[in-house]
Amino acid sequence: MNHWVTVWATSLHGSYPHGTPLAQPDLALAIPDPARGLCDQAVRMVLHPAARGPRARVRLSNAHGDRPLTLAGLSLGEQWAAASLLPGSRVGLTVQGQDRVTLAPGESCWSDPVALSRAAASGGPGSGALALSGVVCGASGRISWHSKAMGSSYLGRPGHPAAADDEDESGLPFATTSWFWVDALDMELPGGSHCVVCLGDSLTDGTGTTLNGRDRWTDQLQRLLTRRLGPDAAPVCIVNAGIGGNQVVGSSASAADGAQRLRRGPPAVQRLAQDVLALSGVGSVIWLEGINDFSDGCGASVEAVIDGFRQGASRLHAAGLRVIGATVPSGLGAATAGHGGAQQDERRRRLNTWLRQRSVPEGVFDSVIDMDAALTDPVTGAMRAAYVPDGTLGGPGDHLHPNRAGHLAMAAAVDLDPLLMGV
């Protein structure tokens, strides 16, 4: 029997412009005043589903808004190229039968299920993306966003809402490398289908990978799984819940700093409900995180991070989910502010010892992926040299975020067998 499975997701961590976007174009013409937000304006958010089904729905969110947000003229269509849609692929979306929805600050909702066009429903692995189009009615106020999409979406001009109805791209001149107001896409998939949520920080969010390349370790893991399963099997969908700068538990200092919290999102133990448990058809969680807890200015203890893993994994296990931990790769010598020091590395290595030796016997994790062994040079103790050069903007790299080659090694380190087990 078919059921709903989340096939794409992201984590809305704060409001524009607080975040860690990469290769972001200047948005001053599209968003002249961040406090006012978008105003009578078209948006087209590009989403890459891990699988396709006959019906879809999206989750819209005003999680970090400061005023009611009204969206209208919502639709899903097959991306042709850039902001252009494949002719005839666009289908309208409603919410509770209405063609517009108003979300109070902090509120989210699912759209009504919609039958996709033949072109959109038949897309197979590696096919083009879906594009969510809509109109922001009036001024949005603070924009709830995920800053680091590692891919392009599109915005229209203020005061020109009609562009949302067009399949061409002429009315959507502004590109953004972020996602606004949408954080999940579900498809109706066959029984046995499920999703795997990858919970983490910038190592999962994709810093250092290729813009529009879809080569984060989670993307590459999806392709490995799809090849392993073959064309006739029920899909297993990898969804990315990484946030640049995110922490397992955070610290009292970061919690008191509102701008930092908007930039890095709530600590993982505080965002499980929205970013994992509220998704559809979740079978497993891969949790790779901890390096930011040990950064300068945060300085969480190893014991506090372990306790955070225990609390979070207990909650996920109680929901019937398989929970897979991951060792933390080295950031020794990193040029990124707050990282690279010997004290941070000593805490990281102590955490990894617990992850490898004790976390599974204690029942915290069901298994552990050794990402540290995949990325860290055992001789130098730093990231392997081949994984350092930056893949997003070019340049020497920061010795903290691996490039595409490093993400290939991360994906290859994952044992596929536990992920193939159903919900």
Protein backbone atom coordinates (compact mmCIF):
# COMPACT_ATOMS: atom_id res chain seq x y z
CA MET A 1 0.00 0.00 0.00
CA ASN A 2 1.30 3.45 -0.89
CA HIS A 3 2.23 5.83 1.92
CA TRP A 4 3.82 9.23 2.39
CA VAL A 5 7.62 9.41 2.46
CA THR A 6 9.73 12.55 2.68
CA VAL A 7 11.88 12.65 -0.47
CA TRP A 8 13.54 16.04 0.09
CA ALA A 9 14.00 18.16 3.20
CA THR A 10 16.03 20.97 4.65
CA SER A 11 16.25 22.68 8.05
CA LEU A 12 15.03 26.27 8.36
CA HIS A 13 17.47 27.55 10.95
CA GLY A 14 16.76 31.28 11.15
CA SER A 15 15.82 34.38 9.19
CA TYR A 16 17.58 36.09 6.29
CA PRO A 17 20.34 37.32 6.31
CA HIS A 18 21.57 35.35 9.35
CA GLY A 19 23.30 32.18 8.17
CA THR A 20 26.25 30.76 6.29
CA PRO A 21 25.32 30.93 2.58
CA LEU A 22 27.90 30.04 -0.03
CA ALA A 23 28.29 31.70 -3.45
CA GLN A 24 25.26 33.86 -2.66
CA PRO A 25 24.59 36.55 -5.29
CA ASP A 26 23.92 40.07 -4.07
CA LEU A 27 20.21 40.08 -3.17
CA ALA A 28 19.90 43.82 -2.52
CA LEU A 29 17.61 44.34 -5.53
CA ALA A 30 15.43 41.34 -4.69
CA ILE A 31 15.32 42.03 -0.93
CA PRO A 32 16.08 45.75 -0.43
CA ASP A 33 15.09 45.60 3.26
CA PRO A 34 15.53 42.29 5.12
CA ALA A 35 13.14 43.42 7.85
CA ARG A 36 10.41 43.98 5.24
CA GLY A 37 11.37 40.82 3.34
CA LEU A 38 9.85 39.99 -0.03
CA CYS A 39 6.87 42.07 -1.12
CA ASP A 40 4.23 41.14 -3.73
CA GLN A 41 6.88 39.00 -5.29
CA ALA A 42 7.30 35.65 -7.07
CA VAL A 43 9.54 32.88 -5.76
CA ARG A 44 10.64 29.62 -7.39
CA MET A 45 12.37 27.19 -5.05
CA VAL A 46 14.21 24.28 -6.73
CA LEU A 47 13.90 20.94 -4.90
CA HIS A 48 15.65 17.67 -5.79
CA PRO A 49 13.46 14.72 -4.74
CA ALA A 50 15.16 11.40 -4.05
CA ALA A 51 12.22 9.54 -5.64
CA ARG A 52 9.01 10.28 -7.52
CA GLY A 53 5.45 9.14 -6.96
CA PRO A 54 2.01 9.88 -8.38
CA ARG A 55 1.10 12.45 -5.71
CA ALA A 56 3.06 15.03 -3.76
CA ARG A 57 2.71 17.56 -0.97
CA VAL A 58 5.03 20.22 0.46
CA ARG A 59 5.53 21.62 3.94
CA LEU A 60 5.53 25.41 4.15
CA SER A 61 6.91 27.18 7.19
CA ASN A 62 7.03 30.62 8.78
CA ALA A 63 9.10 29.19 11.63
CA HIS A 64 11.30 32.27 12.10
CA GLY A 65 8.96 34.97 10.80
CA ASP A 66 7.97 38.03 12.76
CA ARG A 67 4.57 38.64 11.13
CA PRO A 68 1.89 36.62 9.31
CA LEU A 69 3.09 35.31 5.94
CA THR A 70 0.60 34.98 3.07
CA LEU A 71 1.48 32.80 0.09
CA ALA A 72 -0.72 32.36 -2.99
CA GLY A 73 -0.60 30.87 -6.48
CA LEU A 74 1.44 27.88 -5.31
CA SER A 75 2.41 25.22 -7.85
CA LEU A 76 4.84 22.38 -8.52
CA GLY A 77 6.47 21.93 -11.89
CA GLU A 78 9.40 20.15 -13.49
CA GLN A 79 12.50 22.32 -13.74
CA TRP A 80 13.72 22.59 -17.33
CA ALA A 81 16.78 24.79 -16.74
CA ALA A 82 17.47 27.57 -14.26
CA ALA A 83 14.09 29.19 -13.42
CA SER A 84 12.36 27.81 -16.53
CA LEU A 85 9.78 25.02 -16.22
CA LEU A 86 9.18 22.14 -18.59
CA PRO A 87 6.13 23.19 -20.64
CA GLY A 88 2.92 21.64 -19.36
CA SER A 89 4.43 20.27 -16.14
CA ARG A 90 3.03 22.84 -13.70
CA VAL A 91 0.19 21.83 -11.34
CA GLY A 92 -1.48 24.05 -8.75
CA LEU A 93 -1.27 23.50 -4.99
CA THR A 94 -3.89 24.28 -2.35
CA VAL A 95 -3.93 24.30 1.45
CA GLN A 96 -7.16 23.05 2.99
CA GLY A 97 -8.78 23.55 -0.38
CA GLN A 98 -7.77 27.22 -0.66
CA ASP A 99 -5.39 28.77 -3.18
CA ARG A 100 -3.75 30.97 -0.56
CA VAL A 101 -2.53 30.36 2.96
CA THR A 102 -1.56 32.65 5.82
CA LEU A 103 0.94 31.31 8.35
CA ALA A 104 1.35 32.99 11.73
CA PRO A 105 4.90 33.44 13.06
CA GLY A 106 6.20 30.02 14.08
CA GLU A 107 3.52 28.15 12.13
CA SER A 108 3.94 25.53 9.41
CA CYS A 109 1.52 23.47 7.32
CA TRP A 110 1.33 20.78 4.65
CA SER A 111 -0.24 21.50 1.30
CA ASP A 112 -3.06 19.29 0.10
CA PRO A 113 -1.94 16.21 -1.87
CA VAL A 114 -1.76 16.89 -5.60
CA ALA A 115 -1.47 14.55 -8.57
CA LEU A 116 1.69 15.47 -10.44
CA SER A 117 1.72 16.02 -14.15
CA ARG A 118 2.85 13.02 -16.19
CA ALA A 119 6.22 14.67 -16.82
CA ALA A 120 6.80 15.41 -13.14
CA ALA A 121 5.53 12.08 -11.80
CA SER A 122 7.60 9.93 -14.15
CA GLY A 123 10.99 11.41 -13.35
CA GLY A 124 13.47 8.72 -12.42
CA PRO A 125 16.75 8.78 -10.52
CA GLY A 126 18.97 11.54 -11.84
CA SER A 127 16.11 13.37 -13.52
CA GLY A 128 15.57 17.09 -13.19
CA ALA A 129 14.33 18.84 -10.09
CA LEU A 130 10.87 20.02 -9.13
CA ALA A 131 10.26 23.73 -8.72
CA LEU A 132 7.88 25.13 -6.11
CA SER A 133 6.50 28.46 -7.32
CA GLY A 134 4.36 30.97 -5.47
CA VAL A 135 3.62 34.60 -4.66
CA VAL A 136 4.41 36.43 -1.44
CA CYS A 137 1.36 38.65 -0.86
CA GLY A 138 2.25 41.98 0.72
CA ALA A 139 5.42 42.20 2.80
CA SER A 140 6.63 38.93 4.23
CA GLY A 141 8.63 40.30 7.13
CA ARG A 142 11.61 38.25 8.25
CA ILE A 143 12.22 35.38 5.83
CA SER A 144 12.53 31.88 7.29
CA TRP A 145 15.30 30.24 5.32
CA HIS A 146 17.99 27.63 4.94
CA SER A 147 20.95 29.71 3.89
CA LYS A 148 23.24 27.07 2.38
CA ALA A 149 21.30 25.20 -0.32
CA MET A 150 24.40 24.43 -2.43
CA GLY A 151 22.11 24.99 -5.41
CA SER A 152 20.22 27.79 -7.11
CA SER A 153 16.63 28.94 -6.65
CA TYR A 154 15.03 32.09 -8.06
CA LEU A 155 13.25 35.29 -7.05
CA GLY A 156 11.19 37.82 -8.95
CA ARG A 157 11.19 41.59 -8.69
CA PRO A 158 9.34 43.30 -5.83
CA GLY A 159 5.85 44.29 -6.98
CA HIS A 160 5.75 41.76 -9.87
CA PRO A 161 3.81 38.74 -8.59
CA ALA A 162 2.60 37.44 -11.98
CA ALA A 163 5.94 35.77 -12.72
CA ALA A 164 4.95 32.86 -10.46
CA ASP A 165 2.35 31.81 -13.06
CA ASP A 166 4.78 31.76 -15.99
CA GLU A 167 6.68 28.69 -17.12
CA ASP A 168 9.46 30.82 -18.56
CA GLU A 169 12.15 32.53 -16.51
CA SER A 170 11.96 36.13 -17.70
CA GLY A 171 10.13 37.34 -14.60
CA LEU A 172 12.53 35.65 -12.15
CA PRO A 173 15.86 37.45 -12.73
CA PHE A 174 17.43 36.97 -9.29
CA ALA A 175 19.24 33.78 -8.25
CA THR A 176 19.74 32.73 -4.64
CA THR A 177 21.72 29.84 -3.20
CA SER A 178 19.22 29.45 -0.36
CA TRP A 179 15.73 28.03 0.24
CA PHE A 180 12.88 30.18 1.58
CA TRP A 181 9.75 29.01 3.49
CA VAL A 182 9.77 25.37 2.32
CA ASP A 183 11.39 22.58 4.33
CA ALA A 184 9.94 19.24 3.15
CA LEU A 185 8.57 17.49 0.08
CA ASP A 186 6.65 14.23 0.38
CA MET A 187 5.76 11.71 -2.30
CA GLU A 188 3.27 8.87 -2.21
CA LEU A 189 5.49 5.79 -2.56
CA PRO A 190 5.03 2.01 -2.44
CA GLY A 191 5.06 0.05 0.80
CA GLY A 192 8.59 -0.63 1.99
CA SER A 193 9.78 2.81 0.95
CA HIS A 194 11.28 4.93 3.69
CA CYS A 195 13.70 7.79 4.26
CA VAL A 196 16.99 8.22 6.09
CA VAL A 197 17.53 11.59 7.78
CA CYS A 198 21.14 12.81 7.90
CA LEU A 199 21.37 15.10 10.93
CA GLY A 200 24.42 17.31 11.30
CA ASP A 201 26.38 20.48 10.71
CA SER A 202 28.31 21.95 7.74
CA LEU A 203 29.95 18.57 7.03
CA THR A 204 26.46 17.41 6.04
CA ASP A 205 25.18 20.79 4.80
CA GLY A 206 27.87 20.65 2.12
CA THR A 207 30.39 23.44 2.69
CA GLY A 208 33.24 22.90 0.21
CA THR A 209 31.26 20.86 -2.32
CA THR A 210 30.29 21.92 -5.84
CA LEU A 211 27.57 24.53 -6.29
CA ASN A 212 24.68 22.88 -8.18
CA GLY A 213 26.78 19.70 -8.35
CA ARG A 214 24.65 17.68 -5.92
CA ASP A 215 27.80 16.03 -4.61
CA ARG A 216 27.44 16.29 -0.84
CA TRP A 217 28.03 12.92 0.82
CA THR A 218 24.28 12.60 1.29
CA ASP A 219 23.68 13.07 -2.45
CA GLN A 220 26.34 10.53 -3.31
CA LEU A 221 24.96 8.10 -0.72
CA GLN A 222 21.57 8.41 -2.42
CA ARG A 223 23.07 7.36 -5.73
CA LEU A 224 24.90 4.43 -4.13
CA LEU A 225 21.67 3.23 -2.56
CA THR A 226 19.67 3.64 -5.77
CA ARG A 227 22.22 1.60 -7.72
CA ARG A 228 22.24 -1.08 -5.01
CA LEU A 229 18.45 -1.35 -4.97
CA GLY A 230 17.86 -1.43 -8.72
CA PRO A 231 14.95 0.11 -10.64
CA ASP A 232 12.15 -2.11 -9.32
CA ALA A 233 12.75 -1.91 -5.57
CA ALA A 234 10.93 0.33 -3.12
CA PRO A 235 12.96 3.54 -2.82
CA VAL A 236 15.12 4.48 0.16
CA CYS A 237 15.34 8.28 0.27
CA ILE A 238 18.21 10.23 1.82
CA VAL A 239 17.22 13.65 3.16
CA ASN A 240 19.63 16.27 4.44
CA ALA A 241 19.10 17.92 7.84
CA GLY A 242 22.50 19.59 8.08
CA ILE A 243 22.94 23.20 9.22
CA GLY A 244 26.27 25.00 8.95
CA GLY A 245 27.58 25.75 12.44
CA ASN A 246 25.07 23.47 14.17
CA GLN A 247 25.92 21.80 17.48
CA VAL A 248 24.77 18.77 19.42
CA VAL A 249 24.09 20.68 22.64
CA GLY A 250 25.48 24.19 22.15
CA SER A 251 26.38 26.25 25.18
CA SER A 252 24.91 28.91 27.41
CA ALA A 253 26.97 31.53 25.58
CA SER A 254 25.65 30.64 22.13
CA ALA A 255 22.08 30.32 23.40
CA ALA A 256 22.26 33.90 24.68
CA ASP A 257 23.51 35.20 21.35
CA GLY A 258 20.43 35.60 19.16
CA ALA A 259 22.30 36.24 15.90
CA GLN A 260 24.49 33.16 16.38
CA ARG A 261 21.44 31.02 17.12
CA LEU A 262 19.75 32.22 13.94
CA ARG A 263 22.94 31.49 12.01
CA ARG A 264 23.55 27.96 13.27
CA GLY A 265 20.02 26.95 14.28
CA PRO A 266 18.91 25.34 17.54
CA PRO A 267 21.18 22.59 18.86
CA ALA A 268 20.35 19.20 17.39
CA VAL A 269 18.79 17.91 20.60
CA GLN A 270 16.27 20.78 20.37
CA ARG A 271 15.35 20.35 16.69
CA LEU A 272 14.58 16.65 16.49
CA ALA A 273 10.82 17.18 16.49
CA GLN A 274 10.73 19.43 13.43
CA ASP A 275 13.72 18.18 11.46
CA VAL A 276 13.35 14.42 12.02
CA LEU A 277 10.23 13.23 13.82
CA ALA A 278 7.75 15.37 11.87
CA LEU A 279 8.98 14.02 8.53
CA SER A 280 7.19 11.14 6.81
CA GLY A 281 8.27 7.51 6.61
CA VAL A 282 11.55 7.92 8.52
CA GLY A 283 13.33 4.62 9.15
CA SER A 284 16.85 5.66 10.17
CA VAL A 285 18.88 8.67 11.28
CA ILE A 286 22.60 9.19 10.63
CA TRP A 287 23.96 11.68 13.17
CA LEU A 288 27.33 13.30 12.31
CA GLU A 289 28.06 16.23 14.59
CA GLY A 290 30.18 17.56 17.45
CA ILE A 291 33.06 19.61 16.04
CA ASN A 292 31.24 22.92 16.60
CA ASP A 293 30.46 22.06 20.23
CA PHE A 294 34.22 22.09 20.84
CA SER A 295 34.93 25.35 18.99
CA ASP A 296 36.40 28.41 20.70
CA GLY A 297 33.63 30.46 22.31
CA CYS A 298 31.47 27.38 22.84
CA GLY A 299 33.77 24.90 24.51
CA ALA A 300 31.26 22.24 25.47
CA SER A 301 32.76 19.33 27.37
CA VAL A 302 33.05 15.87 25.85
CA GLU A 303 30.74 14.60 28.59
CA ALA A 304 28.06 17.18 27.67
CA VAL A 305 28.16 16.17 24.02
CA ILE A 306 27.95 12.47 24.89
CA ASP A 307 25.00 13.20 27.16
CA GLY A 308 23.36 15.08 24.29
CA PHE A 309 23.81 12.06 22.03
CA ARG A 310 22.30 9.84 24.74
CA GLN A 311 19.25 12.07 25.16
CA GLY A 312 18.68 12.55 21.44
CA ALA A 313 19.19 8.90 20.49
CA SER A 314 16.86 7.79 23.29
CA ARG A 315 14.13 10.01 21.91
CA LEU A 316 14.69 8.75 18.36
CA HIS A 317 14.75 5.11 19.49
CA ALA A 318 11.50 5.68 21.36
CA ALA A 319 9.96 6.70 18.03
CA GLY A 320 11.04 3.37 16.56
CA LEU A 321 13.94 4.72 14.50
CA ARG A 322 17.35 3.18 13.85
CA VAL A 323 20.05 5.63 15.00
CA ILE A 324 23.52 5.51 13.44
CA GLY A 325 26.34 7.61 14.87
CA ALA A 326 29.46 8.86 13.08
CA THR A 327 32.94 9.74 14.24
CA VAL A 328 34.00 13.37 13.81
CA PRO A 329 36.77 14.13 11.26
CA SER A 330 39.75 16.30 12.13
CA GLY A 331 39.76 20.07 11.85
CA LEU A 332 43.34 20.35 13.10
CA GLY A 333 45.04 23.43 11.68
CA ALA A 334 41.80 24.78 10.20
CA ALA A 335 41.73 28.41 9.14
CA THR A 336 38.05 28.77 10.07
CA ALA A 337 37.48 31.01 13.09
CA GLY A 338 37.14 29.07 16.32
CA HIS A 339 38.53 25.84 14.88
CA GLY A 340 41.88 24.15 14.39
CA GLY A 341 43.36 24.19 17.88
CA ALA A 342 44.96 21.35 19.84
CA GLN A 343 42.41 21.49 22.68
CA GLN A 344 39.51 21.15 20.25
CA ASP A 345 41.22 18.22 18.56
CA GLU A 346 41.88 16.49 21.88
CA ARG A 347 38.16 16.68 22.73
CA ARG A 348 37.23 15.43 19.27
CA ARG A 349 39.50 12.41 19.65
CA ARG A 350 38.06 11.61 23.08
CA LEU A 351 34.55 11.78 21.65
CA ASN A 352 35.56 9.46 18.81
CA THR A 353 36.97 6.95 21.28
CA TRP A 354 33.59 6.81 23.02
CA LEU A 355 31.78 6.57 19.68
CA ARG A 356 33.92 3.67 18.47
CA GLN A 357 34.23 1.71 21.71
CA ARG A 358 31.25 2.40 23.93
CA SER A 359 28.32 4.06 22.11
CA VAL A 360 26.99 0.82 20.57
CA PRO A 361 27.45 -1.41 23.68
CA GLU A 362 25.72 1.29 25.73
CA GLY A 363 22.77 1.20 23.30
CA VAL A 364 23.09 4.85 22.28
CA PHE A 365 23.73 4.07 18.60
CA ASP A 366 22.84 0.97 16.62
CA SER A 367 26.08 1.26 14.63
CA VAL A 368 28.80 3.83 13.93
CA ILE A 369 30.24 5.11 10.63
CA ASP A 370 33.96 5.98 10.85
CA MET A 371 34.00 9.31 8.99
CA ASP A 372 37.19 10.22 10.85
CA ALA A 373 39.06 7.30 9.28
CA ALA A 374 37.69 8.27 5.87
CA LEU A 375 38.91 11.89 6.00
CA THR A 376 41.75 12.18 8.53
CA ASP A 377 45.40 11.53 7.64
CA PRO A 378 46.70 9.15 10.33
CA VAL A 379 50.22 10.58 9.99
CA THR A 380 49.50 14.31 10.31
CA GLY A 381 46.27 14.08 12.28
CA ALA A 382 44.75 16.67 9.91
CA MET A 383 42.48 16.28 6.90
CA ARG A 384 43.98 14.28 4.04
CA ALA A 385 45.58 16.67 1.53
CA ALA A 386 43.48 15.54 -1.43
CA TYR A 387 40.29 16.60 0.34
CA VAL A 388 41.37 20.11 1.33
CA PRO A 389 41.15 22.32 -1.84
CA ASP A 390 37.81 24.15 -1.84
CA GLY A 391 35.28 22.86 -4.36
CA THR A 392 32.73 25.68 -4.12
CA LEU A 393 34.67 28.87 -4.77
CA GLY A 394 38.12 27.45 -5.49
CA GLY A 395 41.20 28.27 -3.47
CA PRO A 396 43.26 26.33 -0.96
CA GLY A 397 40.45 25.19 1.34
CA ASP A 398 40.12 25.63 5.09
CA HIS A 399 41.26 22.17 6.37
CA LEU A 400 37.84 21.73 8.01
CA HIS A 401 35.37 21.20 5.16
CA PRO A 402 36.14 18.45 2.62
CA ASN A 403 35.67 18.95 -1.10
CA ARG A 404 33.84 16.68 -3.52
CA ALA A 405 36.54 14.01 -3.28
CA GLY A 406 36.24 14.04 0.49
CA HIS A 407 32.47 13.69 0.30
CA LEU A 408 32.94 10.71 -2.03
CA ALA A 409 35.07 9.10 0.68
CA MET A 410 32.41 9.88 3.30
CA ALA A 411 29.65 8.27 1.26
CA ALA A 412 31.83 5.23 0.60
CA ALA A 413 32.37 4.80 4.35
CA VAL A 414 28.65 4.17 4.97
CA ASP A 415 27.49 0.58 5.30
CA LEU A 416 24.40 0.39 3.10
CA ASP A 417 22.86 -2.71 4.68
CA PRO A 418 21.36 -1.05 7.80
CA LEU A 419 19.79 1.65 5.61
CA LEU A 420 17.97 -0.90 3.49
CA MET A 421 16.01 -2.19 6.47
CA GLY A 422 12.45 -0.86 6.50
CA VAL A 423 10.62 1.29 8.96
